[in-house]
N, C-alpha and C. Protein backbone atom coordinates (compact mmCIF):
# COMPACT_ATOMS: atom_id res chain seq x y z
N MET A 1 2.40 3.76 -11.16
CA MET A 1 2.27 2.52 -10.41
C MET A 1 3.58 1.75 -10.49
N ASP A 2 4.01 1.26 -9.34
CA ASP A 2 5.21 0.43 -9.32
C ASP A 2 4.91 -1.03 -9.67
N LEU A 3 3.78 -1.52 -9.19
CA LEU A 3 3.39 -2.93 -9.39
C LEU A 3 1.93 -3.03 -9.78
N THR A 4 1.63 -4.01 -10.60
CA THR A 4 0.24 -4.33 -10.91
C THR A 4 0.03 -5.80 -10.60
N VAL A 5 -1.00 -6.10 -9.82
CA VAL A 5 -1.36 -7.48 -9.50
C VAL A 5 -2.65 -7.77 -10.25
N ILE A 6 -2.60 -8.80 -11.10
CA ILE A 6 -3.78 -9.21 -11.87
C ILE A 6 -4.15 -10.61 -11.43
N VAL A 7 -5.36 -10.76 -10.93
CA VAL A 7 -5.90 -12.07 -10.58
C VAL A 7 -6.96 -12.40 -11.63
N THR A 8 -6.74 -13.48 -12.36
CA THR A 8 -7.68 -13.88 -13.40
C THR A 8 -8.59 -14.97 -12.86
N VAL A 9 -9.90 -14.79 -13.03
CA VAL A 9 -10.87 -15.77 -12.54
C VAL A 9 -11.80 -16.17 -13.66
N HIS A 10 -12.26 -17.43 -13.59
CA HIS A 10 -13.16 -17.98 -14.60
C HIS A 10 -14.40 -18.58 -13.93
N ASP A 11 -14.15 -19.61 -13.12
CA ASP A 11 -15.23 -20.38 -12.51
C ASP A 11 -14.88 -20.66 -11.05
N GLU A 12 -14.51 -19.59 -10.33
CA GLU A 12 -14.13 -19.72 -8.93
C GLU A 12 -15.05 -18.84 -8.09
N THR A 13 -15.32 -19.30 -6.89
CA THR A 13 -16.10 -18.47 -5.96
C THR A 13 -15.40 -18.50 -4.62
N VAL A 14 -16.03 -19.08 -3.60
CA VAL A 14 -15.48 -19.03 -2.24
C VAL A 14 -14.10 -19.66 -2.12
N VAL A 15 -13.74 -20.58 -3.02
CA VAL A 15 -12.40 -21.17 -2.95
C VAL A 15 -11.32 -20.12 -3.21
N SER A 16 -11.72 -18.98 -3.77
CA SER A 16 -10.78 -17.90 -4.04
C SER A 16 -10.50 -17.04 -2.81
N GLY A 17 -11.27 -17.21 -1.77
CA GLY A 17 -11.10 -16.39 -0.58
C GLY A 17 -9.69 -16.38 -0.04
N PRO A 18 -9.07 -17.55 0.23
CA PRO A 18 -7.70 -17.55 0.74
C PRO A 18 -6.70 -16.91 -0.22
N THR A 19 -6.88 -17.13 -1.51
CA THR A 19 -5.99 -16.52 -2.50
C THR A 19 -6.08 -15.01 -2.45
N MET A 20 -7.30 -14.49 -2.40
CA MET A 20 -7.49 -13.05 -2.39
C MET A 20 -6.97 -12.44 -1.08
N GLN A 21 -7.16 -13.15 0.03
CA GLN A 21 -6.63 -12.66 1.30
C GLN A 21 -5.10 -12.61 1.25
N ALA A 22 -4.49 -13.65 0.70
CA ALA A 22 -3.03 -13.68 0.59
C ALA A 22 -2.54 -12.57 -0.33
N ALA A 23 -3.24 -12.33 -1.43
CA ALA A 23 -2.86 -11.25 -2.34
C ALA A 23 -2.94 -9.90 -1.63
N ASP A 24 -4.01 -9.68 -0.88
CA ASP A 24 -4.16 -8.41 -0.16
C ASP A 24 -3.05 -8.21 0.87
N VAL A 25 -2.68 -9.28 1.59
CA VAL A 25 -1.59 -9.18 2.57
C VAL A 25 -0.28 -8.84 1.87
N ALA A 26 0.01 -9.52 0.77
CA ALA A 26 1.24 -9.24 0.03
C ALA A 26 1.26 -7.82 -0.50
N ILE A 27 0.12 -7.37 -1.01
CA ILE A 27 0.03 -6.00 -1.53
C ILE A 27 0.22 -4.98 -0.42
N GLU A 28 -0.41 -5.20 0.72
CA GLU A 28 -0.25 -4.28 1.84
C GLU A 28 1.21 -4.23 2.32
N THR A 29 1.90 -5.37 2.25
CA THR A 29 3.32 -5.40 2.60
C THR A 29 4.13 -4.56 1.62
N ALA A 30 3.81 -4.68 0.34
CA ALA A 30 4.51 -3.87 -0.68
C ALA A 30 4.23 -2.39 -0.48
N ILE A 31 2.98 -2.05 -0.18
CA ILE A 31 2.62 -0.65 0.06
C ILE A 31 3.37 -0.11 1.28
N ALA A 32 3.45 -0.92 2.33
CA ALA A 32 4.17 -0.50 3.53
C ALA A 32 5.66 -0.27 3.25
N ALA A 33 6.18 -0.95 2.24
CA ALA A 33 7.58 -0.79 1.85
C ALA A 33 7.78 0.39 0.90
N GLY A 34 6.67 1.08 0.58
CA GLY A 34 6.78 2.28 -0.24
C GLY A 34 6.41 2.12 -1.71
N PHE A 35 5.93 0.95 -2.09
CA PHE A 35 5.53 0.73 -3.47
C PHE A 35 4.06 1.13 -3.68
N SER A 36 3.75 1.60 -4.87
CA SER A 36 2.34 1.80 -5.24
C SER A 36 1.91 0.56 -6.01
N VAL A 37 0.70 0.08 -5.70
CA VAL A 37 0.24 -1.18 -6.27
C VAL A 37 -1.17 -1.02 -6.82
N GLU A 38 -1.34 -1.47 -8.04
CA GLU A 38 -2.66 -1.51 -8.68
C GLU A 38 -3.19 -2.93 -8.57
N ARG A 39 -4.49 -3.06 -8.25
CA ARG A 39 -5.12 -4.38 -8.08
C ARG A 39 -6.20 -4.56 -9.14
N ILE A 40 -6.09 -5.63 -9.92
CA ILE A 40 -7.07 -5.88 -10.97
C ILE A 40 -7.57 -7.32 -10.87
N ILE A 41 -8.89 -7.47 -10.88
CA ILE A 41 -9.50 -8.79 -11.02
C ILE A 41 -9.99 -8.86 -12.46
N ALA A 42 -9.45 -9.81 -13.21
CA ALA A 42 -9.86 -10.02 -14.59
C ALA A 42 -10.89 -11.15 -14.62
N LEU A 43 -12.12 -10.79 -14.89
CA LEU A 43 -13.20 -11.77 -14.97
C LEU A 43 -13.23 -12.29 -16.41
N ASP A 44 -12.43 -13.32 -16.67
CA ASP A 44 -12.26 -13.83 -18.04
C ASP A 44 -13.25 -14.96 -18.32
N ASN A 45 -14.21 -14.67 -19.17
CA ASN A 45 -15.29 -15.64 -19.45
C ASN A 45 -15.87 -16.18 -18.14
N ALA A 46 -16.04 -15.29 -17.19
CA ALA A 46 -16.48 -15.69 -15.85
C ALA A 46 -17.93 -16.17 -15.85
N THR A 47 -18.17 -17.19 -15.05
CA THR A 47 -19.53 -17.68 -14.86
C THR A 47 -20.34 -16.63 -14.10
N PRO A 48 -21.65 -16.69 -14.16
CA PRO A 48 -22.46 -15.76 -13.38
C PRO A 48 -22.16 -15.83 -11.88
N GLU A 49 -21.90 -17.03 -11.38
CA GLU A 49 -21.58 -17.19 -9.96
C GLU A 49 -20.26 -16.50 -9.61
N THR A 50 -19.27 -16.64 -10.49
CA THR A 50 -17.98 -15.99 -10.26
C THR A 50 -18.13 -14.48 -10.31
N THR A 51 -18.87 -13.99 -11.29
CA THR A 51 -19.11 -12.54 -11.40
C THR A 51 -19.80 -12.02 -10.15
N ALA A 52 -20.78 -12.75 -9.66
CA ALA A 52 -21.48 -12.33 -8.44
C ALA A 52 -20.55 -12.35 -7.24
N TYR A 53 -19.74 -13.40 -7.11
CA TYR A 53 -18.83 -13.50 -5.97
C TYR A 53 -17.86 -12.33 -5.95
N PHE A 54 -17.23 -12.05 -7.08
CA PHE A 54 -16.25 -10.97 -7.13
C PHE A 54 -16.89 -9.59 -7.23
N GLY A 55 -18.20 -9.55 -7.34
CA GLY A 55 -18.92 -8.28 -7.31
C GLY A 55 -19.24 -7.82 -5.91
N GLN A 56 -18.90 -8.62 -4.91
CA GLN A 56 -19.16 -8.26 -3.52
C GLN A 56 -18.37 -7.01 -3.11
N PRO A 57 -18.94 -6.23 -2.20
CA PRO A 57 -18.22 -5.04 -1.70
C PRO A 57 -16.84 -5.36 -1.11
N ALA A 58 -16.63 -6.58 -0.66
CA ALA A 58 -15.32 -6.96 -0.10
C ALA A 58 -14.20 -6.80 -1.12
N PHE A 59 -14.55 -6.75 -2.40
CA PHE A 59 -13.54 -6.62 -3.46
C PHE A 59 -13.59 -5.24 -4.12
N ASP A 60 -14.24 -4.30 -3.50
CA ASP A 60 -14.36 -2.96 -4.10
C ASP A 60 -13.03 -2.22 -4.20
N HIS A 61 -12.02 -2.64 -3.44
CA HIS A 61 -10.71 -2.00 -3.55
C HIS A 61 -9.90 -2.56 -4.72
N TRP A 62 -10.47 -3.49 -5.43
CA TRP A 62 -9.88 -4.03 -6.66
C TRP A 62 -10.64 -3.45 -7.86
N THR A 63 -9.95 -3.20 -8.95
CA THR A 63 -10.59 -2.84 -10.20
C THR A 63 -11.04 -4.13 -10.86
N ARG A 64 -12.26 -4.18 -11.32
CA ARG A 64 -12.77 -5.37 -12.00
C ARG A 64 -12.81 -5.11 -13.50
N ARG A 65 -12.30 -6.08 -14.26
CA ARG A 65 -12.33 -5.97 -15.72
C ARG A 65 -12.98 -7.22 -16.28
N VAL A 66 -13.95 -7.05 -17.13
CA VAL A 66 -14.61 -8.17 -17.81
C VAL A 66 -13.83 -8.44 -19.09
N MET A 67 -13.39 -9.68 -19.24
CA MET A 67 -12.55 -10.07 -20.38
C MET A 67 -13.17 -11.30 -21.06
N THR A 68 -12.81 -11.51 -22.31
CA THR A 68 -13.27 -12.70 -23.05
C THR A 68 -12.11 -13.33 -23.81
N CYS A 69 -10.97 -13.43 -23.15
CA CYS A 69 -9.77 -13.98 -23.78
C CYS A 69 -9.71 -15.50 -23.72
N GLY A 70 -10.17 -16.07 -22.62
CA GLY A 70 -10.14 -17.52 -22.47
C GLY A 70 -8.76 -18.09 -22.20
N ASP A 71 -7.81 -17.25 -21.77
CA ASP A 71 -6.45 -17.71 -21.54
C ASP A 71 -5.75 -16.73 -20.62
N LEU A 72 -5.03 -17.25 -19.61
CA LEU A 72 -4.34 -16.39 -18.65
C LEU A 72 -3.34 -15.45 -19.32
N GLY A 73 -2.53 -15.99 -20.21
CA GLY A 73 -1.53 -15.18 -20.89
C GLY A 73 -2.16 -14.10 -21.75
N ARG A 74 -3.23 -14.44 -22.44
CA ARG A 74 -3.90 -13.44 -23.28
C ARG A 74 -4.53 -12.34 -22.45
N VAL A 75 -5.05 -12.70 -21.28
CA VAL A 75 -5.61 -11.67 -20.39
C VAL A 75 -4.50 -10.70 -20.00
N ARG A 76 -3.38 -11.22 -19.55
CA ARG A 76 -2.28 -10.34 -19.13
C ARG A 76 -1.77 -9.51 -20.31
N ASN A 77 -1.65 -10.12 -21.48
CA ASN A 77 -1.20 -9.37 -22.65
C ASN A 77 -2.20 -8.27 -23.03
N ALA A 78 -3.49 -8.56 -22.90
CA ALA A 78 -4.51 -7.56 -23.22
C ALA A 78 -4.48 -6.40 -22.24
N LEU A 79 -4.18 -6.67 -20.98
CA LEU A 79 -4.15 -5.63 -19.96
C LEU A 79 -2.83 -4.87 -19.91
N ALA A 80 -1.75 -5.46 -20.41
CA ALA A 80 -0.42 -4.86 -20.30
C ALA A 80 -0.36 -3.42 -20.82
N PRO A 81 -0.90 -3.11 -21.98
CA PRO A 81 -0.80 -1.72 -22.46
C PRO A 81 -1.52 -0.72 -21.53
N GLU A 82 -2.53 -1.18 -20.83
CA GLU A 82 -3.28 -0.30 -19.94
C GLU A 82 -2.56 -0.02 -18.65
N VAL A 83 -1.70 -0.93 -18.22
CA VAL A 83 -1.04 -0.79 -16.92
C VAL A 83 0.41 -0.35 -17.06
N ALA A 84 0.89 -0.26 -18.27
CA ALA A 84 2.31 0.12 -18.49
C ALA A 84 2.54 1.58 -18.20
């Protein structure tokens, strides 16, 4: 993998729609330029509503990871060895 995009979510639902659309557009642009891109949604201490929202088939092209770090930096640090 050339790039890994990690989106960390806690208590977000439909307000994440524009962010996820923008991420997908950016990723598709990178892919078109010849890069391989891994997509990860980190559900960090996610509420049931957030888990349900990101469990929709619309996000099936993303890998979902359930985390309990409680911090953006810790989530990325926890995932770094897996994506390196």
